[in-house]
Amino acid sequence: MHSSDQKVTGIRVLDISEEGAKAIEAMFNKVVQEINQTGTPIVDVRVTDNHCFLLLGEKKSGV
């Protein structure tokens, strides 16, 4: 994802340090669903050994 053309207005962080692949997938999907319901675009996703960062943009108008 390329984030240089969008303004980052928030962040969601998932602690994935002690989780298995299935648990991480379920956690990530749940958070994406929650974010999509608010109309906030996900600008970028970054992952480290212990965390997953979802960078959020400005809410879409009309939501």
N, C-alpha and C. Protein backbone atom coordinates (compact mmCIF):
# COMPACT_ATOMS: atom_id res chain seq x y z
N MET A 1 0.83 -1.19 0.00
CA MET A 1 0.00 0.00 0.00
C MET A 1 0.87 1.24 0.00
N HIS A 2 0.48 2.23 -0.73
CA HIS A 2 1.24 3.47 -0.83
C HIS A 2 0.48 4.55 -0.07
N SER A 3 1.08 5.13 0.97
CA SER A 3 0.37 6.05 1.84
C SER A 3 0.76 7.51 1.67
N SER A 4 1.62 7.85 0.73
CA SER A 4 2.10 9.23 0.62
C SER A 4 1.02 10.21 0.18
N ASP A 5 -0.05 9.75 -0.47
CA ASP A 5 -1.08 10.66 -0.95
C ASP A 5 -2.26 10.78 0.01
N GLN A 6 -2.20 10.14 1.17
CA GLN A 6 -3.29 10.22 2.14
C GLN A 6 -2.76 10.65 3.50
N LYS A 7 -3.60 11.36 4.21
CA LYS A 7 -3.24 11.84 5.55
C LYS A 7 -3.59 10.77 6.58
N VAL A 8 -2.64 10.41 7.43
CA VAL A 8 -2.87 9.46 8.51
C VAL A 8 -3.48 10.21 9.68
N THR A 9 -4.65 9.74 10.14
CA THR A 9 -5.34 10.42 11.23
C THR A 9 -5.50 9.56 12.47
N GLY A 10 -5.12 8.29 12.39
CA GLY A 10 -5.25 7.40 13.54
C GLY A 10 -4.49 6.12 13.32
N ILE A 11 -4.47 5.28 14.35
CA ILE A 11 -3.75 4.02 14.27
C ILE A 11 -4.45 2.99 15.15
N ARG A 12 -4.46 1.76 14.72
CA ARG A 12 -4.89 0.62 15.53
C ARG A 12 -3.71 -0.32 15.62
N VAL A 13 -3.44 -0.83 16.79
CA VAL A 13 -2.30 -1.71 17.01
C VAL A 13 -2.79 -3.05 17.56
N LEU A 14 -2.36 -4.12 16.93
CA LEU A 14 -2.67 -5.47 17.41
C LEU A 14 -1.41 -6.10 17.96
N ASP A 15 -1.49 -6.66 19.17
CA ASP A 15 -0.37 -7.38 19.77
C ASP A 15 -0.44 -8.83 19.29
N ILE A 16 0.49 -9.21 18.45
CA ILE A 16 0.48 -10.55 17.86
C ILE A 16 1.62 -11.42 18.37
N SER A 17 2.29 -10.98 19.43
CA SER A 17 3.52 -11.63 19.90
C SER A 17 3.32 -13.08 20.35
N GLU A 18 2.21 -13.40 20.95
CA GLU A 18 2.02 -14.75 21.48
C GLU A 18 0.85 -15.47 20.81
N GLU A 19 0.51 -15.08 19.60
CA GLU A 19 -0.63 -15.65 18.89
C GLU A 19 -0.19 -16.53 17.74
N GLY A 20 -0.99 -17.51 17.41
CA GLY A 20 -0.77 -18.35 16.25
C GLY A 20 -1.38 -17.70 15.02
N ALA A 21 -1.10 -18.29 13.86
CA ALA A 21 -1.56 -17.71 12.59
C ALA A 21 -3.08 -17.58 12.53
N LYS A 22 -3.82 -18.58 12.95
CA LYS A 22 -5.29 -18.53 12.89
C LYS A 22 -5.84 -17.44 13.80
N ALA A 23 -5.26 -17.29 14.99
CA ALA A 23 -5.71 -16.26 15.93
C ALA A 23 -5.42 -14.87 15.38
N ILE A 24 -4.24 -14.69 14.79
CA ILE A 24 -3.87 -13.40 14.20
C ILE A 24 -4.82 -13.07 13.06
N GLU A 25 -5.11 -14.04 12.22
CA GLU A 25 -6.03 -13.82 11.10
C GLU A 25 -7.41 -13.42 11.59
N ALA A 26 -7.93 -14.10 12.59
CA ALA A 26 -9.25 -13.78 13.14
C ALA A 26 -9.26 -12.39 13.77
N MET A 27 -8.21 -12.06 14.52
CA MET A 27 -8.10 -10.75 15.17
C MET A 27 -8.04 -9.64 14.12
N PHE A 28 -7.21 -9.84 13.11
CA PHE A 28 -7.04 -8.84 12.05
C PHE A 28 -8.36 -8.63 11.30
N ASN A 29 -9.02 -9.72 10.92
CA ASN A 29 -10.29 -9.61 10.19
C ASN A 29 -11.34 -8.89 11.01
N LYS A 30 -11.40 -9.14 12.32
CA LYS A 30 -12.37 -8.48 13.19
C LYS A 30 -12.11 -6.97 13.23
N VAL A 31 -10.86 -6.58 13.37
CA VAL A 31 -10.52 -5.16 13.42
C VAL A 31 -10.82 -4.48 12.09
N VAL A 32 -10.51 -5.13 10.98
CA VAL A 32 -10.80 -4.56 9.66
C VAL A 32 -12.30 -4.36 9.50
N GLN A 33 -13.10 -5.32 9.95
CA GLN A 33 -14.56 -5.18 9.88
C GLN A 33 -15.03 -3.97 10.68
N GLU A 34 -14.50 -3.83 11.90
CA GLU A 34 -14.87 -2.69 12.76
C GLU A 34 -14.51 -1.37 12.10
N ILE A 35 -13.32 -1.30 11.54
CA ILE A 35 -12.86 -0.07 10.89
C ILE A 35 -13.71 0.24 9.67
N ASN A 36 -14.02 -0.77 8.86
CA ASN A 36 -14.85 -0.56 7.67
C ASN A 36 -16.24 -0.06 8.02
N GLN A 37 -16.78 -0.49 9.15
CA GLN A 37 -18.11 -0.03 9.57
C GLN A 37 -18.13 1.45 9.91
N THR A 38 -17.00 1.99 10.29
CA THR A 38 -16.93 3.42 10.62
C THR A 38 -16.72 4.29 9.39
N GLY A 39 -16.37 3.66 8.26
CA GLY A 39 -16.12 4.42 7.04
C GLY A 39 -14.72 5.02 7.00
N THR A 40 -13.86 4.57 7.87
CA THR A 40 -12.49 5.07 7.91
C THR A 40 -11.60 4.19 7.03
N PRO A 41 -10.91 4.79 6.07
CA PRO A 41 -10.04 3.97 5.21
C PRO A 41 -8.76 3.55 5.93
N ILE A 42 -8.30 2.36 5.61
CA ILE A 42 -7.01 1.88 6.09
C ILE A 42 -5.98 2.33 5.07
N VAL A 43 -5.07 3.20 5.48
CA VAL A 43 -4.08 3.79 4.59
C VAL A 43 -2.92 2.83 4.36
N ASP A 44 -2.50 2.12 5.42
CA ASP A 44 -1.35 1.23 5.31
C ASP A 44 -1.39 0.23 6.46
N VAL A 45 -0.69 -0.88 6.28
CA VAL A 45 -0.54 -1.89 7.32
C VAL A 45 0.95 -2.18 7.45
N ARG A 46 1.45 -2.11 8.66
CA ARG A 46 2.85 -2.41 8.94
C ARG A 46 2.91 -3.51 9.98
N VAL A 47 3.87 -4.42 9.85
CA VAL A 47 3.98 -5.56 10.76
C VAL A 47 5.41 -5.68 11.27
N THR A 48 5.53 -5.91 12.60
CA THR A 48 6.81 -6.23 13.22
C THR A 48 6.69 -7.64 13.79
N ASP A 49 7.71 -8.08 14.50
CA ASP A 49 7.65 -9.41 15.12
C ASP A 49 6.52 -9.51 16.14
N ASN A 50 6.21 -8.40 16.81
CA ASN A 50 5.27 -8.42 17.92
C ASN A 50 3.96 -7.68 17.69
N HIS A 51 3.90 -6.82 16.67
CA HIS A 51 2.73 -5.97 16.50
C HIS A 51 2.33 -5.82 15.03
N CYS A 52 1.06 -5.54 14.85
CA CYS A 52 0.52 -5.20 13.53
C CYS A 52 -0.10 -3.82 13.67
N PHE A 53 0.34 -2.87 12.84
CA PHE A 53 -0.12 -1.49 12.90
C PHE A 53 -1.00 -1.20 11.68
N LEU A 54 -2.22 -0.76 11.92
CA LEU A 54 -3.11 -0.34 10.85
C LEU A 54 -3.19 1.18 10.90
N LEU A 55 -2.66 1.84 9.88
CA LEU A 55 -2.68 3.30 9.81
C LEU A 55 -3.99 3.73 9.15
N LEU A 56 -4.72 4.61 9.83
CA LEU A 56 -6.04 5.01 9.39
C LEU A 56 -6.03 6.41 8.81
N GLY A 57 -6.90 6.63 7.81
CA GLY A 57 -7.02 7.93 7.17
C GLY A 57 -8.26 8.66 7.62
N GLU A 58 -8.58 9.72 6.89
CA GLU A 58 -9.77 10.51 7.20
C GLU A 58 -11.01 9.75 6.81
N LYS A 59 -12.07 9.92 7.60
CA LYS A 59 -13.34 9.25 7.31
C LYS A 59 -13.88 9.68 5.96
N LYS A 60 -14.50 8.75 5.28
CA LYS A 60 -15.14 9.06 4.01
C LYS A 60 -16.36 9.91 4.27
N SER A 61 -16.60 10.89 3.42
CA SER A 61 -17.77 11.76 3.61
C SER A 61 -19.06 10.97 3.34
N GLY A 62 -20.10 11.35 4.05
CA GLY A 62 -21.39 10.70 3.88
C GLY A 62 -21.58 9.47 4.74
N VAL A 63 -20.65 9.20 5.67
CA VAL A 63 -20.78 8.03 6.54
C VAL A 63 -21.10 8.48 7.93
